[in-house]
Amino acid sequence: MDIKPLGATPSRRMGADSFTGTVWQDPIIEAPAPARIRGAWVRFEPKARTAWHTHPLGQTLHVISGVGRVQLWGGPVREIRAGDTVWIAPGEKHWHGAGPDTNMVHIALQEQSRRHACHVAGTRHGRAIQRQDRRLAFRKHPRLCALRIPALGLTPRMDGDSPDRNERAGAP
């Protein structure tokens, strides 16, 4: 048994390679092998969100407070509220975050696969792409993890446009 007292693990401000806006994460659990569960308490300030990404074994989001948004690749932007639970299937491209004028806090739970799949651009596969022509690489390799290449400034839209018509960073 392992009991972690409140405050034993510091909050982490999440980086621009995986998130847009201000996002704080408080780890809940990263279980040792053979267990694969990972969980975190994630706080999004208004307009903050994840990059497009996937999880090889799926992800569960449980909204604790506020109003947020989630979008699946090719689908509409959906509003989520405190008390809602969202299941995102394995390999499904998605993003999630706060609403335009509200904070949102959720618990994110997922299992890690034995082969570590790329989560967002800027990690293992993303760095390789950055060494190539970024625009060409983006078109040739859309299945590589998140569809946000930091050097291009691509971010998911919040208004329901299709994901292939993303706007430059800084746009709502």
Protein backbone atom coordinates (compact mmCIF):
# COMPACT_ATOMS: atom_id res chain seq x y z
CA MET A 1 0.00 0.00 0.00
CA ASP A 2 1.14 3.54 -0.75
CA ILE A 3 -0.60 6.58 0.74
CA LYS A 4 0.42 9.97 -0.64
CA PRO A 5 -0.54 12.78 1.73
CA LEU A 6 -2.23 15.89 0.37
CA GLY A 7 0.42 18.25 -1.01
CA ALA A 8 3.10 15.56 -1.36
CA THR A 9 3.17 15.97 -5.13
CA PRO A 10 3.41 19.57 -6.37
CA SER A 11 1.09 21.00 -9.00
CA ARG A 12 2.60 21.22 -12.48
CA ARG A 13 1.94 23.97 -14.98
CA MET A 14 1.50 22.20 -18.28
CA GLY A 15 3.62 23.17 -21.28
CA ALA A 16 2.80 24.83 -24.58
CA ASP A 17 3.77 21.69 -26.50
CA SER A 18 0.64 19.93 -25.19
CA PHE A 19 -1.72 22.73 -24.16
CA THR A 20 -2.95 26.16 -25.21
CA GLY A 21 -3.50 28.62 -22.38
CA THR A 22 -2.92 28.09 -18.66
CA VAL A 23 -3.42 24.54 -17.44
CA TRP A 24 -2.41 23.07 -14.06
CA GLN A 25 -2.17 19.35 -13.31
CA ASP A 26 -2.09 17.57 -9.97
CA PRO A 27 -1.19 13.90 -10.38
CA ILE A 28 -3.50 11.50 -8.57
CA ILE A 29 -1.87 8.20 -9.47
CA GLU A 30 0.75 6.67 -11.72
CA ALA A 31 0.55 3.07 -10.59
CA PRO A 32 3.66 0.89 -10.81
CA ALA A 33 3.73 -2.07 -13.22
CA PRO A 34 1.99 -4.34 -13.83
CA ALA A 35 -0.84 -1.84 -13.18
CA ARG A 36 -1.28 0.73 -15.95
CA ILE A 37 -3.67 3.34 -14.51
CA ARG A 38 -2.77 7.01 -14.56
CA GLY A 39 -4.94 9.77 -13.21
CA ALA A 40 -4.70 13.53 -12.73
CA TRP A 41 -6.75 16.45 -11.52
CA VAL A 42 -6.53 19.02 -14.36
CA ARG A 43 -7.50 22.71 -14.08
CA PHE A 44 -8.08 24.76 -17.24
CA GLU A 45 -8.40 28.55 -17.22
CA PRO A 46 -10.90 30.08 -19.70
CA LYS A 47 -10.00 29.27 -23.35
CA ALA A 48 -7.27 26.82 -22.25
CA ARG A 49 -7.34 23.39 -23.89
CA THR A 50 -5.31 20.40 -24.92
CA ALA A 51 -3.78 19.90 -28.34
CA TRP A 52 -5.37 17.25 -30.56
CA HIS A 53 -4.24 13.91 -29.16
CA THR A 54 -5.07 10.23 -28.75
CA HIS A 55 -4.80 7.59 -26.04
CA PRO A 56 -4.01 4.03 -27.14
CA LEU A 57 -6.33 2.54 -24.49
CA GLY A 58 -8.88 5.35 -24.27
CA GLN A 59 -9.51 8.04 -21.67
CA THR A 60 -12.20 8.92 -19.13
CA LEU A 61 -12.83 12.53 -18.13
CA HIS A 62 -14.99 13.36 -15.11
CA VAL A 63 -15.84 17.07 -14.82
CA ILE A 64 -15.56 18.33 -11.23
CA SER A 65 -16.42 22.00 -11.72
CA GLY A 66 -17.06 24.61 -14.38
CA VAL A 67 -18.05 24.34 -18.01
CA GLY A 68 -15.80 22.94 -20.69
CA ARG A 69 -15.73 21.63 -24.21
CA VAL A 70 -14.63 18.45 -25.93
CA GLN A 71 -14.40 17.58 -29.61
CA LEU A 72 -13.73 14.37 -31.49
CA TRP A 73 -11.94 14.49 -34.83
CA GLY A 74 -14.55 15.38 -37.46
CA GLY A 75 -17.30 15.90 -34.89
CA PRO A 76 -19.03 18.90 -33.32
CA VAL A 77 -17.74 20.73 -30.25
CA ARG A 78 -19.68 19.42 -27.25
CA GLU A 79 -20.23 21.27 -23.98
CA ILE A 80 -19.44 19.43 -20.73
CA ARG A 81 -20.41 20.47 -17.21
CA ALA A 82 -19.72 19.54 -13.59
CA GLY A 83 -20.90 15.97 -12.99
CA ASP A 84 -20.54 14.86 -16.63
CA THR A 85 -18.37 11.84 -17.44
CA VAL A 86 -16.88 11.49 -20.91
CA TRP A 87 -15.46 8.25 -22.38
CA ILE A 88 -13.10 8.68 -25.33
CA ALA A 89 -12.42 5.43 -27.19
CA PRO A 90 -8.90 4.08 -27.85
CA GLY A 91 -7.09 5.91 -30.63
CA GLU A 92 -9.84 8.52 -31.07
CA LYS A 93 -8.37 11.97 -31.86
CA HIS A 94 -9.80 14.61 -29.57
CA TRP A 95 -9.20 17.73 -27.52
CA HIS A 96 -10.77 19.02 -24.32
CA GLY A 97 -10.59 22.15 -22.25
CA ALA A 98 -12.41 25.09 -20.69
CA GLY A 99 -15.16 27.13 -22.24
CA PRO A 100 -14.39 30.57 -23.65
CA ASP A 101 -15.43 32.40 -20.46
CA THR A 102 -15.27 29.71 -17.75
CA ASN A 103 -12.76 27.61 -15.89
CA MET A 104 -13.12 23.84 -16.00
CA VAL A 105 -11.66 21.18 -13.72
CA HIS A 106 -11.75 17.48 -14.56
CA ILE A 107 -10.19 14.24 -13.45
CA ALA A 108 -8.51 12.47 -16.36
CA LEU A 109 -8.03 8.70 -16.16
CA GLN A 110 -6.31 6.45 -18.67
CA GLU A 111 -4.28 3.29 -18.90
CA GLN A 112 -0.84 3.34 -20.47
CA SER A 113 -0.10 0.82 -23.19
CA ARG A 114 3.03 -1.30 -22.93
CA ARG A 115 4.34 0.34 -26.10
CA HIS A 116 4.32 4.05 -25.35
CA ALA A 117 2.26 5.71 -28.06
CA CYS A 118 2.97 9.29 -29.00
CA HIS A 119 0.58 11.65 -27.21
CA VAL A 120 1.15 15.08 -28.71
CA ALA A 121 3.40 16.68 -31.28
CA GLY A 122 6.64 17.74 -29.65
CA THR A 123 7.19 14.32 -28.09
CA ARG A 124 9.02 11.39 -29.64
CA HIS A 125 7.48 11.43 -33.14
CA GLY A 126 6.83 15.17 -33.11
CA ARG A 127 10.53 16.02 -32.83
CA ALA A 128 11.31 13.93 -35.90
CA ILE A 129 8.64 15.78 -37.84
CA GLN A 130 10.06 19.15 -36.77
CA ARG A 131 13.31 18.30 -38.54
CA GLN A 132 11.44 17.87 -41.82
CA ASP A 133 9.34 20.27 -43.83
CA ARG A 134 6.61 20.76 -41.23
CA ARG A 135 3.72 21.38 -43.58
CA LEU A 136 4.54 18.39 -45.77
CA ALA A 137 5.07 16.16 -42.73
CA PHE A 138 1.73 17.28 -41.27
CA ARG A 139 -0.07 16.27 -44.47
CA LYS A 140 1.84 13.00 -44.91
CA HIS A 141 1.55 11.79 -41.30
CA PRO A 142 -1.87 12.84 -39.95
CA ARG A 143 -2.10 9.69 -37.84
CA LEU A 144 0.90 10.63 -35.72
CA CYS A 145 -0.58 11.55 -32.40
CA ALA A 146 -1.84 15.06 -31.98
CA LEU A 147 -2.40 17.20 -35.00
CA ARG A 148 -0.73 20.25 -33.55
CA ILE A 149 2.81 21.02 -34.57
CA PRO A 150 4.03 23.79 -32.24
CA ALA A 151 6.21 25.48 -34.88
CA LEU A 152 3.16 25.83 -37.12
CA GLY A 153 1.03 27.16 -34.27
CA LEU A 154 -1.91 24.90 -35.12
CA THR A 155 -4.54 24.69 -32.41
CA PRO A 156 -8.04 23.22 -32.24
CA ARG A 157 -10.86 25.64 -32.91
CA MET A 158 -13.49 26.23 -30.27
CA ASP A 159 -16.36 27.01 -32.65
CA GLY A 160 -17.02 23.62 -34.21
CA ASP A 161 -15.16 24.01 -37.51
CA SER A 162 -13.73 20.80 -38.84
CA PRO A 163 -10.29 19.92 -37.40
CA ASP A 164 -8.58 20.17 -40.78
CA ARG A 165 -9.36 23.89 -40.84
CA ASN A 166 -7.48 24.80 -37.64
CA GLU A 167 -6.36 28.37 -37.12
CA ARG A 168 -3.04 29.78 -36.04
CA ALA A 169 -2.24 29.94 -32.32
CA GLY A 170 -3.77 32.88 -30.55
CA ALA A 171 -7.00 32.80 -32.54
CA PRO A 172 -10.15 31.89 -30.60
